[in-house]
Amino acid sequence: MVDKIEVLERKRANSKRLRSNPEYQQYEKDYSRQYRQSVKVKKQRVKNQTRYDLKRKFGITPEQKQEMLENQNYACAICKTTEPRGRGDWHVDHNHTTGKVRGLLCALCNVGLGSFKDQPLFLQSAIDYLNRN
């Protein structure tokens, strides 16, 4: 039976020989260059998709979203946290009936409003419930 140490030593020797091969070195450079380029392309696609989604869903640009965040002092419009909390970036809150944008919320506040279906009556009932104790 072949000893595990012998196997590892052979693998290291083969790896060293491979890395010293000029053709392999060129291959690694080319692969690395292609990988970096694909990462740049992917980041640009995400940026373009974000711009498209903001415009399609809410009728605003990323620059307008940034301006809203500045006007809110870089904080959630409800809980005033300066971190988006939860999943993702700041969420654009809007009236589901009119489509009008109200502000930017952290993920947790956005989910909370969604859970109460944007109904002030439900929110008031929750406040009353919390004030009972």
Protein backbone atom coordinates (compact mmCIF):
# COMPACT_ATOMS: atom_id res chain seq x y z
CA MET A 1 0.00 0.00 0.00
CA VAL A 2 1.28 3.42 -0.94
CA ASP A 3 1.98 5.70 1.98
CA LYS A 4 -0.07 8.93 2.11
CA ILE A 5 3.10 10.98 2.58
CA GLU A 6 4.56 9.56 -0.63
CA VAL A 7 1.40 10.46 -2.53
CA LEU A 8 1.49 14.02 -1.21
CA GLU A 9 5.17 14.39 -2.09
CA ARG A 10 4.48 13.22 -5.65
CA LYS A 11 1.62 15.65 -5.98
CA ARG A 12 3.82 18.52 -4.75
CA ALA A 13 6.58 17.58 -7.19
CA ASN A 14 4.12 17.41 -10.10
CA SER A 15 2.60 20.74 -9.08
CA LYS A 16 6.03 22.38 -8.85
CA ARG A 17 7.00 21.01 -12.26
CA LEU A 18 3.72 22.23 -13.74
CA ARG A 19 4.08 25.74 -12.27
CA SER A 20 7.59 26.06 -13.69
CA ASN A 21 6.33 25.28 -17.22
CA PRO A 22 6.22 28.53 -19.28
CA GLU A 23 3.12 27.40 -21.18
CA TYR A 24 1.29 26.78 -17.92
CA GLN A 25 2.41 30.16 -16.56
CA GLN A 26 0.97 31.84 -19.65
CA TYR A 27 -2.23 29.84 -19.26
CA GLU A 28 -2.56 31.04 -15.63
CA LYS A 29 -2.02 34.68 -16.68
CA ASP A 30 -4.61 34.40 -19.44
CA TYR A 31 -7.10 32.66 -17.15
CA SER A 32 -6.59 35.26 -14.45
CA ARG A 33 -7.08 38.09 -16.95
CA GLN A 34 -10.28 36.49 -18.29
CA TYR A 35 -11.59 35.95 -14.75
CA ARG A 36 -10.98 39.58 -13.77
CA GLN A 37 -12.69 40.72 -16.95
CA SER A 38 -15.71 38.48 -16.31
CA VAL A 39 -16.02 39.89 -12.78
CA LYS A 40 -16.01 43.44 -14.19
CA VAL A 41 -18.67 42.49 -16.73
CA LYS A 42 -20.83 40.88 -14.04
CA LYS A 43 -20.57 43.95 -11.78
CA GLN A 44 -21.59 46.17 -14.69
CA ARG A 45 -24.56 43.90 -15.46
CA VAL A 46 -25.71 44.08 -11.82
CA LYS A 47 -25.35 47.88 -11.88
CA ASN A 48 -27.35 48.11 -15.12
CA GLN A 49 -30.01 45.73 -13.77
CA THR A 50 -30.35 47.77 -10.57
CA ARG A 51 -30.77 50.96 -12.60
CA TYR A 52 -33.37 49.26 -14.81
CA ASP A 53 -35.28 47.77 -11.84
CA LEU A 54 -35.45 51.10 -9.97
CA LYS A 55 -36.79 52.86 -13.06
CA ARG A 56 -39.25 50.11 -13.96
CA LYS A 57 -40.61 49.44 -10.47
CA PHE A 58 -40.51 52.89 -8.86
CA GLY A 59 -39.80 55.43 -11.61
CA ILE A 60 -36.58 56.67 -9.97
CA THR A 61 -32.88 56.57 -10.82
CA PRO A 62 -30.06 55.42 -8.55
CA GLU A 63 -29.07 59.09 -8.23
CA GLN A 64 -32.57 59.96 -6.98
CA LYS A 65 -32.40 57.05 -4.52
CA GLN A 66 -29.06 58.38 -3.25
CA GLU A 67 -30.57 61.86 -2.89
CA MET A 68 -33.47 60.40 -0.89
CA LEU A 69 -30.99 58.67 1.41
CA GLU A 70 -29.10 61.94 1.90
CA ASN A 71 -32.38 63.74 2.73
CA GLN A 72 -33.10 61.04 5.33
CA ASN A 73 -29.64 61.59 6.88
CA TYR A 74 -28.53 58.14 5.68
CA ALA A 75 -31.03 56.44 7.98
CA CYS A 76 -34.19 54.34 7.77
CA ALA A 77 -37.31 56.53 7.58
CA ILE A 78 -38.96 54.53 10.39
CA CYS A 79 -36.42 53.18 12.89
CA LYS A 80 -33.61 55.66 12.05
CA THR A 81 -30.93 52.98 11.88
CA THR A 82 -27.97 53.92 9.71
CA GLU A 83 -27.46 50.31 8.57
CA PRO A 84 -29.84 48.72 6.05
CA ARG A 85 -30.22 45.67 8.38
CA GLY A 86 -31.49 42.40 7.04
CA ARG A 87 -31.01 41.34 3.45
CA GLY A 88 -29.71 43.72 0.83
CA ASP A 89 -29.49 47.46 0.53
CA TRP A 90 -32.03 50.13 1.41
CA HIS A 91 -35.55 49.26 0.25
CA VAL A 92 -37.68 51.74 -1.65
CA ASP A 93 -40.99 52.03 0.20
CA HIS A 94 -43.99 52.95 -1.93
CA ASN A 95 -47.75 53.10 -1.79
CA HIS A 96 -48.99 49.91 -3.44
CA THR A 97 -52.18 51.60 -4.62
CA THR A 98 -50.78 54.81 -6.13
CA GLY A 99 -47.19 53.67 -6.71
CA LYS A 100 -45.90 56.88 -5.09
CA VAL A 101 -42.50 56.49 -3.42
CA ARG A 102 -42.58 57.33 0.30
CA GLY A 103 -38.97 56.83 1.37
CA LEU A 104 -36.18 54.36 2.03
CA LEU A 105 -36.42 51.70 4.72
CA CYS A 106 -34.17 49.06 6.22
CA ALA A 107 -35.18 45.52 5.28
CA LEU A 108 -36.76 44.80 8.67
CA CYS A 109 -39.02 47.88 8.63
CA ASN A 110 -39.96 47.16 5.02
CA VAL A 111 -40.99 43.61 5.91
CA GLY A 112 -42.91 44.92 8.93
CA LEU A 113 -44.94 47.33 6.85
CA GLY A 114 -45.56 44.61 4.31
CA SER A 115 -46.75 42.25 7.06
CA PHE A 116 -49.32 44.85 8.13
CA LYS A 117 -50.34 45.28 4.47
CA ASP A 118 -49.72 49.06 4.72
CA GLN A 119 -52.94 49.36 6.76
CA PRO A 120 -52.84 52.12 9.43
CA LEU A 121 -55.65 50.32 11.28
CA PHE A 122 -53.51 47.20 11.67
CA LEU A 123 -50.53 49.27 12.77
CA GLN A 124 -52.67 51.14 15.32
CA SER A 125 -53.98 47.82 16.65
CA ALA A 126 -50.39 46.64 17.07
CA ILE A 127 -49.51 49.87 18.93
CA ASP A 128 -52.53 49.45 21.20
CA TYR A 129 -51.56 45.83 21.83
CA LEU A 130 -48.00 46.78 22.78
CA ASN A 131 -49.21 49.56 25.10
CA ARG A 132 -51.44 47.13 27.07
CA ASN A 133 -48.48 45.70 28.95
